[in-house]
Amino acid sequence: MQAGSSGLLGLGLPQLLGARARADEGAPKAKSMIIVFLTGACSHHDTFDMKLEAPAEIRGEFQPISTTIPGYVVCEHLPRLADRAHQYSVIRSLSHGDNNHLMSTHHVLTGEKQPGGFFDKVASRDDWPCYSSALQYLRPRQDGLPTGVNLPTFLQQGPLTWPGQHAGFLGPNYDPWQITGDPNSAEFRVDALTLANGISLERLGRRQTLLSEVNRQQNRISEMAKTQRLTSDQDLAMSMLTSSRLAKAFDLKNEPDAVRDRYGRNQTGQSLLLARRLVQAGVPIVQANIGQVQTWDNHSNIFPALKDRLLPPLDQGVSALLDELAETGLLNETLVMMLGEFGRTPKVNDQRGRDHWGPCFFGLFAGAGVKPGQIIGESDAEGAYPLTRPYSPNDVGATVYHMLGVPPEVIVRDRLGRPVHLNKGTVITPLFTGAET
């Protein structure tokens, strides 16, 4: 990772307190958000924006099925989500001008373009903060719970570390908590909670004891050249270890078998179940990466990959998530957002796959004031470009912050101390009003 120095970033105390006060005035207000991130980019043609009248090389191999929204169809391999279309809204006119995984991921997961972005520019401390990091910056928590948790994978491949996964220029103290491990595995454990070598849990019965132990080992930690990050990790681990709510949330063995079966006994289903448990425990923002990095990047054999491997667990897991959130009342205060970093090309290529396509893709939104049962926006006959107003990832970011009660005029400072707006997009008001703008 291109780390760089973080420095002391942010506003002076009066300005920061004012920004935090304004961040409590927005409406509507979601108490939590679950991001279902389809890393690698899911095909809109073969899921939520089917082109039934297009030629076969654009239409693809799947058949449509009706949904609970009159006149709207989805792919035949999404039967559960078809039956729950009245619980969510779909935007079919998301759009941006980039086809690179890394830059596009940053754009979608932060609501802003990557500063100085170029092809395969890896994560750095010049990046924009992800949503949970910005929320932690404006509303620091004091209850032992992290503001953000990312699971179950870290988006990294060889030397490439995907941007948009951390706090960027706000510094590592605001990074979300990263959980790496398959929640469906019988050996699943939260390695991030494991203390550094030499610190015995048996000796640390209380928060004060852990803090004292960490302080005594400061010199050893400094020698590892990771002082700031490890110190904040240990502080967070201390709080997490003393939070019974969080500890219980991570223990999926306490969940009834029927509930675990409902989500699906696979990484996708159990990750979404864990996301629900974390939100229920009080974590504001959870990002569930569906698959390993670029799982949905189907340049070849896209149709068997979607049919046999990708769509069935997604259909089951997201449907169970929506159902449980609705049954418990959490859907009223939890935004669920499912999308990838871009769409796929209209024409199926020679390898029976679809390539990268930023000009048009979809997003699914539910809960926390989103008016359900809507189809917002329309793409052209080939699914190549929006026919109606395009919405950019900046607009998605503005909508997320609006729903979290963060007004668009909030200003933070970059690494050079320059004041910048956290987001420069426009709130996607049709999600709440039902009227296209």
Protein backbone atom coordinates (compact mmCIF):
# COMPACT_ATOMS: atom_id res chain seq x y z
CA MET A 1 0.00 0.00 0.00
CA GLN A 2 1.14 3.53 -0.71
CA ALA A 3 0.81 4.73 2.85
CA GLY A 4 2.36 8.17 3.06
CA SER A 5 2.28 10.26 6.18
CA SER A 6 -1.03 11.17 7.69
CA GLY A 7 -0.20 14.24 9.70
CA LEU A 8 -2.66 16.13 11.85
CA LEU A 9 -5.68 16.48 9.61
CA GLY A 10 -9.04 18.01 10.05
CA LEU A 11 -10.55 21.22 11.36
CA GLY A 12 -9.63 23.38 14.29
CA LEU A 13 -11.64 22.64 17.41
CA PRO A 14 -14.35 25.32 16.97
CA GLN A 15 -14.88 24.45 13.31
CA LEU A 16 -14.87 20.73 14.00
CA LEU A 17 -17.41 21.04 16.78
CA GLY A 18 -19.58 23.14 14.51
CA ALA A 19 -19.35 20.56 11.73
CA ARG A 20 -20.28 17.81 14.14
CA ALA A 21 -23.25 19.81 15.38
CA ARG A 22 -24.45 20.38 11.82
CA ALA A 23 -24.00 16.69 11.11
CA ASP A 24 -26.74 16.02 13.65
CA GLU A 25 -29.28 18.22 11.84
CA GLY A 26 -29.81 16.31 8.60
CA ALA A 27 -32.91 14.33 7.71
CA PRO A 28 -33.89 11.66 6.96
CA LYS A 29 -31.53 9.94 9.31
CA ALA A 30 -30.38 6.35 9.06
CA LYS A 31 -28.90 4.94 12.23
CA SER A 32 -26.98 2.32 10.28
CA MET A 33 -26.07 1.16 6.81
CA ILE A 34 -25.13 -2.18 5.26
CA ILE A 35 -23.18 -1.98 2.00
CA VAL A 36 -23.45 -5.14 -0.08
CA PHE A 37 -20.50 -4.61 -2.39
CA LEU A 38 -20.35 -6.74 -5.55
CA THR A 39 -16.60 -6.48 -6.03
CA GLY A 40 -15.54 -6.80 -9.65
CA ALA A 41 -18.85 -5.41 -10.92
CA CYS A 42 -22.02 -7.37 -11.49
CA SER A 43 -23.68 -7.35 -14.91
CA HIS A 44 -26.81 -5.18 -14.96
CA HIS A 45 -28.00 -6.83 -18.19
CA ASP A 46 -28.19 -10.23 -16.55
CA THR A 47 -29.77 -9.20 -13.25
CA PHE A 48 -31.81 -6.02 -12.68
CA ASP A 49 -31.83 -4.29 -16.09
CA MET A 50 -32.62 -6.98 -18.63
CA LYS A 51 -32.94 -6.03 -22.31
CA LEU A 52 -35.59 -8.40 -23.59
CA GLU A 53 -35.94 -6.87 -27.05
CA ALA A 54 -32.22 -6.57 -27.77
CA PRO A 55 -30.29 -8.93 -30.07
CA ALA A 56 -29.03 -12.15 -28.48
CA GLU A 57 -25.45 -10.88 -28.19
CA ILE A 58 -26.76 -8.13 -25.90
CA ARG A 59 -29.76 -9.85 -24.33
CA GLY A 60 -27.72 -12.77 -23.00
CA GLU A 61 -28.85 -16.27 -22.07
CA PHE A 62 -31.13 -15.73 -19.07
CA GLN A 63 -34.90 -15.54 -19.04
CA PRO A 64 -36.90 -12.87 -17.20
CA ILE A 65 -39.29 -13.49 -14.32
CA SER A 66 -41.98 -11.17 -13.01
CA THR A 67 -41.56 -9.29 -9.75
CA THR A 68 -44.00 -7.79 -7.26
CA ILE A 69 -43.61 -4.49 -9.13
CA PRO A 70 -46.03 -4.56 -12.07
CA GLY A 71 -44.22 -4.63 -15.39
CA TYR A 72 -40.75 -5.01 -13.91
CA VAL A 73 -38.75 -8.19 -14.48
CA VAL A 74 -35.44 -9.52 -13.18
CA CYS A 75 -33.25 -12.48 -14.01
CA GLU A 76 -34.70 -15.95 -13.52
CA HIS A 77 -31.91 -16.75 -11.06
CA LEU A 78 -33.12 -14.09 -8.60
CA PRO A 79 -36.50 -15.59 -7.64
CA ARG A 80 -36.41 -14.52 -3.98
CA LEU A 81 -35.49 -10.93 -4.78
CA ALA A 82 -38.18 -10.93 -7.47
CA ASP A 83 -40.72 -11.80 -4.76
CA ARG A 84 -39.40 -8.95 -2.59
CA ALA A 85 -39.18 -6.16 -5.18
CA HIS A 86 -41.77 -4.25 -3.15
CA GLN A 87 -39.18 -4.00 -0.34
CA TYR A 88 -36.49 -2.12 -2.29
CA SER A 89 -35.90 0.36 -5.09
CA VAL A 90 -33.58 -0.04 -8.06
CA ILE A 91 -31.70 2.74 -9.82
CA ARG A 92 -30.88 1.74 -13.40
CA SER A 93 -29.08 4.94 -14.43
CA LEU A 94 -25.97 5.01 -12.26
CA SER A 95 -23.09 6.23 -14.38
CA HIS A 96 -19.49 7.41 -14.37
CA GLY A 97 -16.72 7.70 -16.93
CA ASP A 98 -14.16 5.16 -15.75
CA ASN A 99 -13.61 1.46 -16.44
CA ASN A 100 -10.78 0.72 -13.99
CA HIS A 101 -11.56 -1.45 -10.96
CA LEU A 102 -9.45 0.45 -8.43
CA MET A 103 -10.43 3.99 -9.35
CA SER A 104 -14.09 3.04 -9.73
CA THR A 105 -14.15 1.22 -6.38
CA HIS A 106 -12.79 4.34 -4.70
CA HIS A 107 -15.45 6.45 -6.43
CA VAL A 108 -18.33 4.22 -5.34
CA LEU A 109 -17.18 3.57 -1.76
CA THR A 110 -16.25 7.18 -0.95
CA GLY A 111 -18.58 9.24 -3.13
CA GLU A 112 -15.65 11.10 -4.72
CA LYS A 113 -13.12 10.46 -7.48
CA GLN A 114 -9.71 9.24 -6.40
CA PRO A 115 -7.34 12.24 -6.13
CA GLY A 116 -4.70 12.03 -8.84
CA GLY A 117 -6.29 8.82 -10.04
CA PHE A 118 -4.72 6.80 -12.82
CA PHE A 119 -5.05 3.21 -14.04
CA ASP A 120 -4.60 0.82 -11.11
CA LYS A 121 -3.59 3.56 -8.66
CA VAL A 122 -3.43 1.72 -5.36
CA ALA A 123 -4.73 2.92 -2.00
CA SER A 124 -2.89 5.79 -0.34
CA ARG A 125 -3.37 8.34 2.39
CA ASP A 126 -4.21 10.87 -0.29
CA ASP A 127 -7.49 9.04 -0.95
CA TRP A 128 -10.92 10.21 0.09
CA PRO A 129 -12.33 8.62 3.27
CA CYS A 130 -14.87 5.83 3.05
CA TYR A 131 -18.29 6.52 4.53
CA SER A 132 -17.68 4.98 7.95
CA SER A 133 -14.39 6.87 8.36
CA ALA A 134 -16.03 10.20 7.63
CA LEU A 135 -18.81 9.39 10.09
CA GLN A 136 -16.27 8.45 12.76
CA TYR A 137 -14.44 11.73 12.12
CA LEU A 138 -17.60 13.79 12.53
CA ARG A 139 -19.19 11.67 15.26
CA PRO A 140 -16.45 9.92 17.24
CA ARG A 141 -17.80 7.06 19.33
CA GLN A 142 -17.06 6.59 23.00
CA ASP A 143 -18.96 3.38 23.65
CA GLY A 144 -16.39 0.80 22.63
CA LEU A 145 -17.98 0.04 19.26
CA PRO A 146 -16.28 0.76 15.93
CA THR A 147 -18.10 3.06 13.53
CA GLY A 148 -17.28 0.80 10.59
CA VAL A 149 -16.57 -2.88 10.01
CA ASN A 150 -15.53 -4.34 6.64
CA LEU A 151 -15.84 -8.08 6.08
CA PRO A 152 -15.11 -10.86 5.16
CA THR A 153 -12.31 -10.00 2.71
CA PHE A 154 -9.78 -7.24 2.21
CA LEU A 155 -9.68 -6.12 -1.41
CA GLN A 156 -6.09 -6.76 -2.37
CA GLN A 157 -4.48 -8.69 -5.20
CA GLY A 158 -0.71 -9.01 -5.39
CA PRO A 159 0.75 -5.49 -5.21
CA LEU A 160 -2.65 -3.89 -5.80
CA THR A 161 -4.59 -2.66 -2.78
CA TRP A 162 -8.02 -1.35 -3.67
CA PRO A 163 -8.63 2.27 -2.57
CA GLY A 164 -11.83 3.26 -0.81
CA GLN A 165 -11.44 0.81 2.06
CA HIS A 166 -10.02 3.16 4.68
CA ALA A 167 -9.99 6.72 6.00
CA GLY A 168 -7.64 8.11 3.35
CA PHE A 169 -6.45 11.59 4.19
CA LEU A 170 -8.22 11.60 7.56
CA GLY A 171 -5.57 9.21 8.86
CA PRO A 172 -5.49 5.66 10.20
CA ASN A 173 -7.21 6.49 13.48
CA TYR A 174 -10.46 6.69 11.49
CA ASP A 175 -10.03 3.48 9.49
CA PRO A 176 -12.88 0.96 9.70
CA TRP A 177 -12.23 -2.33 11.46
CA GLN A 178 -11.26 -4.98 8.91
CA ILE A 179 -12.38 -8.56 9.51
CA THR A 180 -10.75 -11.18 7.27
CA GLY A 181 -12.13 -14.69 7.41
CA ASP A 182 -15.07 -16.73 6.17
CA PRO A 183 -17.94 -16.52 8.70
CA ASN A 184 -19.23 -19.82 7.31
CA SER A 185 -16.10 -21.64 8.42
CA ALA A 186 -16.23 -23.64 11.62
CA GLU A 187 -12.84 -22.11 12.45
CA PHE A 188 -14.04 -18.54 11.97
CA ARG A 189 -12.59 -16.22 14.56
CA VAL A 190 -11.93 -12.50 14.62
CA ASP A 191 -8.15 -12.38 14.30
CA ALA A 192 -8.26 -8.60 14.56
CA LEU A 193 -9.20 -9.00 18.21
CA THR A 194 -6.11 -11.06 18.95
CA LEU A 195 -3.69 -9.07 21.04
CA ALA A 196 -0.03 -8.67 20.17
CA ASN A 197 2.38 -11.43 21.13
CA GLY A 198 3.29 -11.24 24.78
CA ILE A 199 -0.05 -9.87 25.92
CA SER A 200 -1.99 -12.57 27.74
CA LEU A 201 -5.77 -12.37 27.83
CA GLU A 202 -5.71 -14.21 31.14
CA ARG A 203 -3.89 -11.24 32.65
CA LEU A 204 -6.24 -8.67 31.21
CA GLY A 205 -9.50 -8.82 33.06
CA ARG A 206 -10.35 -5.14 32.91
CA ARG A 207 -10.03 -2.27 30.44
CA GLN A 208 -7.58 -0.41 32.68
CA THR A 209 -5.33 -3.45 32.84
CA LEU A 210 -5.23 -3.78 29.07
CA LEU A 211 -4.43 -0.11 28.61
CA SER A 212 -1.65 -0.30 31.17
CA GLU A 213 -0.21 -3.38 29.47
CA VAL A 214 -0.27 -1.72 26.06
CA ASN A 215 1.46 1.37 27.46
CA ARG A 216 4.20 -0.76 29.04
CA GLN A 217 4.87 -2.37 25.67
CA GLN A 218 5.02 0.90 23.74
CA ASN A 219 8.75 0.66 23.07
CA ARG A 220 8.44 -2.80 21.55
CA ILE A 221 5.55 -1.70 19.38
CA SER A 222 7.47 1.38 18.23
CA GLU A 223 10.31 -0.83 17.03
CA MET A 224 7.87 -2.42 14.62
CA ALA A 225 7.54 0.95 12.83
CA LYS A 226 3.76 0.83 13.07
CA THR A 227 3.22 2.76 16.26
CA GLN A 228 0.27 4.91 15.33
CA ARG A 229 -1.70 2.16 13.61
CA LEU A 230 -0.98 -0.54 16.19
CA THR A 231 -1.67 1.77 19.10
CA SER A 232 -5.08 2.68 17.71
CA ASP A 233 -5.72 -1.00 16.93
CA GLN A 234 -4.91 -1.95 20.51
CA ASP A 235 -7.13 0.82 21.83
CA LEU A 236 -9.99 -0.39 19.66
CA ALA A 237 -9.31 -4.01 20.60
CA MET A 238 -9.45 -2.99 24.25
CA SER A 239 -12.85 -1.42 23.80
CA MET A 240 -14.14 -4.28 21.68
CA LEU A 241 -13.00 -6.89 24.15
CA THR A 242 -14.95 -5.14 26.90
CA SER A 243 -18.08 -4.80 24.78
CA SER A 244 -20.29 -7.80 25.41
CA ARG A 245 -22.63 -6.68 22.63
CA LEU A 246 -19.88 -6.85 20.04
CA ALA A 247 -18.44 -10.10 21.31
CA LYS A 248 -21.86 -11.73 21.08
CA ALA A 249 -22.43 -10.31 17.60
CA PHE A 250 -19.32 -12.04 16.25
CA ASP A 251 -20.27 -15.40 17.72
CA LEU A 252 -22.45 -16.87 14.99
CA LYS A 253 -22.69 -20.13 16.91
CA ASN A 254 -25.26 -18.42 19.11
CA GLU A 255 -27.54 -17.96 16.10
CA PRO A 256 -30.25 -20.65 15.68
CA ASP A 257 -29.56 -23.14 12.92
CA ALA A 258 -32.80 -22.18 11.21
CA VAL A 259 -31.66 -18.56 10.91
CA ARG A 260 -28.23 -19.52 9.59
CA ASP A 261 -29.88 -21.83 7.07
CA ARG A 262 -32.20 -19.02 6.05
CA TYR A 263 -29.23 -16.91 4.92
CA GLY A 264 -27.43 -19.84 3.32
CA ARG A 265 -24.51 -21.85 4.64
CA ASN A 266 -21.92 -20.12 2.49
CA GLN A 267 -19.62 -17.12 2.76
CA THR A 268 -22.13 -14.73 1.20
CA GLY A 269 -25.04 -15.74 3.41
CA GLN A 270 -23.11 -15.88 6.67
CA SER A 271 -21.37 -12.57 5.92
CA LEU A 272 -24.75 -10.90 5.50
CA LEU A 273 -25.98 -12.54 8.68
CA LEU A 274 -22.93 -11.23 10.52
CA ALA A 275 -23.56 -7.78 9.05
CA ARG A 276 -27.09 -7.86 10.46
CA ARG A 277 -25.80 -8.95 13.86
CA LEU A 278 -23.23 -6.16 13.94
CA VAL A 279 -25.83 -3.53 13.04
CA GLN A 280 -28.12 -4.98 15.68
CA ALA A 281 -25.26 -4.66 18.18
CA GLY A 282 -24.90 -0.97 17.34
CA VAL A 283 -22.20 -0.77 14.65
CA PRO A 284 -23.35 2.03 12.30
CA ILE A 285 -21.78 0.95 9.00
CA VAL A 286 -20.93 -2.56 7.84
CA GLN A 287 -19.56 -3.35 4.39
CA ALA A 288 -19.95 -6.93 3.21
CA ASN A 289 -17.74 -7.68 0.21
CA ILE A 290 -19.50 -10.41 -1.74
CA GLY A 291 -16.69 -12.69 -2.83
CA GLN A 292 -12.97 -12.20 -3.16
CA VAL A 293 -11.56 -9.25 -5.06
CA GLN A 294 -13.01 -9.13 -8.61
CA THR A 295 -15.34 -12.09 -8.01
CA TRP A 296 -17.97 -10.51 -10.28
CA ASP A 297 -15.43 -9.60 -12.99
CA ASN A 298 -16.75 -12.14 -15.48
CA HIS A 299 -14.83 -11.53 -18.73
CA SER A 300 -15.52 -15.10 -19.80
CA ASN A 301 -18.22 -17.71 -19.20
CA ILE A 302 -20.36 -15.18 -17.39
CA PHE A 303 -23.60 -17.12 -17.63
CA PRO A 304 -22.56 -20.34 -15.84
CA ALA A 305 -20.67 -18.25 -13.28
CA LEU A 306 -23.77 -16.23 -12.46
CA LYS A 307 -26.18 -19.16 -12.65
CA ASP A 308 -24.22 -21.76 -10.68
CA ARG A 309 -21.98 -19.80 -8.35
CA LEU A 310 -22.84 -16.14 -7.80
CA LEU A 311 -26.53 -15.31 -8.07
CA PRO A 312 -28.14 -18.09 -5.97
CA PRO A 313 -26.29 -17.27 -2.70
CA LEU A 314 -26.72 -13.54 -3.30
CA ASP A 315 -30.44 -13.98 -3.92
CA GLN A 316 -30.89 -16.05 -0.78
CA GLY A 317 -28.67 -13.96 1.49
CA VAL A 318 -29.94 -10.51 0.55
CA SER A 319 -33.56 -11.71 0.68
CA ALA A 320 -33.02 -13.09 4.19
CA LEU A 321 -31.35 -9.85 5.22
CA LEU A 322 -34.26 -7.72 3.99
CA ASP A 323 -36.78 -10.05 5.62
CA GLU A 324 -35.08 -10.06 9.00
CA LEU A 325 -34.51 -6.33 9.04
CA ALA A 326 -38.17 -5.80 8.21
CA GLU A 327 -39.38 -8.33 10.81
CA THR A 328 -37.35 -6.72 13.60
CA GLY A 329 -38.11 -3.13 12.61
CA LEU A 330 -34.45 -2.46 11.83
CA LEU A 331 -35.23 -1.79 8.19
CA ASN A 332 -36.86 1.48 9.25
CA GLU A 333 -33.49 2.78 10.41
CA THR A 334 -31.00 0.78 8.32
CA LEU A 335 -30.05 1.66 4.76
CA VAL A 336 -29.19 -1.37 2.63
CA MET A 337 -27.22 -0.51 -0.51
CA MET A 338 -26.12 -3.12 -3.05
CA LEU A 339 -23.97 -2.22 -6.05
CA GLY A 340 -20.64 -2.82 -7.77
CA GLU A 341 -18.05 -0.39 -9.05
CA PHE A 342 -19.53 -0.26 -12.58
CA GLY A 343 -21.57 -2.35 -15.01
CA ARG A 344 -20.68 -4.73 -17.83
CA THR A 345 -20.50 -4.14 -21.56
CA PRO A 346 -23.73 -4.46 -23.54
CA LYS A 347 -22.28 -6.92 -26.02
CA VAL A 348 -21.20 -10.39 -24.94
CA ASN A 349 -17.58 -10.90 -26.00
CA ASP A 350 -15.97 -13.84 -27.82
CA GLN A 351 -15.28 -15.60 -24.50
CA ARG A 352 -18.97 -15.45 -23.56
CA GLY A 353 -18.29 -12.79 -20.97
CA ARG A 354 -18.88 -9.09 -20.54
CA ASP A 355 -16.17 -6.48 -19.99
CA HIS A 356 -15.94 -3.33 -17.85
CA TRP A 357 -18.54 -0.62 -18.42
CA GLY A 358 -18.75 2.56 -16.35
CA PRO A 359 -21.35 4.55 -18.34
CA CYS A 360 -24.33 2.56 -17.01
CA PHE A 361 -24.97 0.27 -14.03
CA PHE A 362 -27.48 -0.43 -11.27
CA GLY A 363 -27.84 -0.02 -7.54
CA LEU A 364 -30.37 -1.53 -5.13
CA PHE A 365 -31.51 0.56 -2.14
CA ALA A 366 -33.80 -0.28 0.76
CA GLY A 367 -34.75 0.93 4.21
CA ALA A 368 -34.28 4.08 6.31
CA GLY A 369 -36.75 6.23 4.39
CA VAL A 370 -36.20 4.82 0.90
CA LYS A 371 -39.58 4.54 -0.79
CA PRO A 372 -39.79 0.85 -1.76
CA GLY A 373 -41.10 -0.70 -4.95
CA GLN A 374 -39.61 1.88 -7.31
CA ILE A 375 -37.66 1.61 -10.53
CA ILE A 376 -35.70 4.84 -10.87
CA GLY A 377 -34.04 5.75 -14.12
CA GLU A 378 -33.90 3.97 -17.44
CA SER A 379 -31.09 2.88 -19.73
CA ASP A 380 -31.21 2.75 -23.51
CA ALA A 381 -32.24 -0.30 -25.53
CA GLU A 382 -28.77 -1.84 -25.19
CA GLY A 383 -28.18 -0.96 -21.55
CA ALA A 384 -25.23 1.17 -22.63
CA TYR A 385 -26.17 4.67 -21.48
CA PRO A 386 -28.86 6.25 -19.30
CA LEU A 387 -31.89 7.56 -21.15
CA THR A 388 -32.97 9.49 -18.08
CA ARG A 389 -30.93 11.57 -15.68
CA PRO A 390 -27.66 9.79 -14.82
CA TYR A 391 -26.65 9.54 -11.18
CA SER A 392 -22.96 9.46 -10.36
CA PRO A 393 -21.18 7.86 -7.39
CA ASN A 394 -20.89 11.41 -6.06
CA ASP A 395 -24.68 11.49 -5.94
CA VAL A 396 -24.72 8.11 -4.21
CA GLY A 397 -22.31 9.54 -1.63
CA ALA A 398 -24.43 12.64 -1.12
CA THR A 399 -27.45 10.41 -0.59
CA VAL A 400 -25.63 8.21 1.92
CA TYR A 401 -24.44 11.21 3.93
CA HIS A 402 -27.86 12.83 3.75
CA MET A 403 -29.47 9.70 5.14
CA LEU A 404 -26.86 9.52 7.89
CA GLY A 405 -27.66 13.10 8.83
CA VAL A 406 -24.46 14.62 7.44
CA PRO A 407 -25.16 17.84 5.47
CA PRO A 408 -23.30 18.39 2.19
CA GLU A 409 -21.69 21.63 3.36
CA VAL A 410 -19.55 19.86 5.94
CA ILE A 411 -15.90 20.67 5.27
CA VAL A 412 -12.83 18.64 6.20
CA ARG A 413 -9.18 19.29 5.43
CA ASP A 414 -6.86 17.31 3.22
CA ARG A 415 -3.22 16.43 3.95
CA LEU A 416 -2.08 19.90 2.88
CA GLY A 417 -4.56 21.55 5.21
CA ARG A 418 -6.82 22.70 2.39
CA PRO A 419 -10.54 22.88 3.20
CA VAL A 420 -12.60 20.59 1.00
CA HIS A 421 -16.24 19.59 0.93
CA LEU A 422 -16.71 16.04 2.08
CA ASN A 423 -18.97 15.43 -0.91
CA LYS A 424 -19.93 17.43 -3.97
CA GLY A 425 -22.78 15.29 -5.25
CA THR A 426 -26.55 15.82 -5.28
CA VAL A 427 -28.94 13.81 -3.15
CA ILE A 428 -30.97 11.32 -5.22
CA THR A 429 -34.33 12.60 -4.02
CA PRO A 430 -36.50 10.19 -6.08
CA LEU A 431 -35.43 7.48 -3.64
CA PHE A 432 -37.55 9.21 -1.02
CA THR A 433 -40.15 11.15 -2.98
CA GLY A 434 -40.96 8.71 -5.76
CA ALA A 435 -40.71 11.49 -8.33
CA GLU A 436 -37.97 11.35 -10.96
CA THR A 437 -35.87 14.51 -11.21
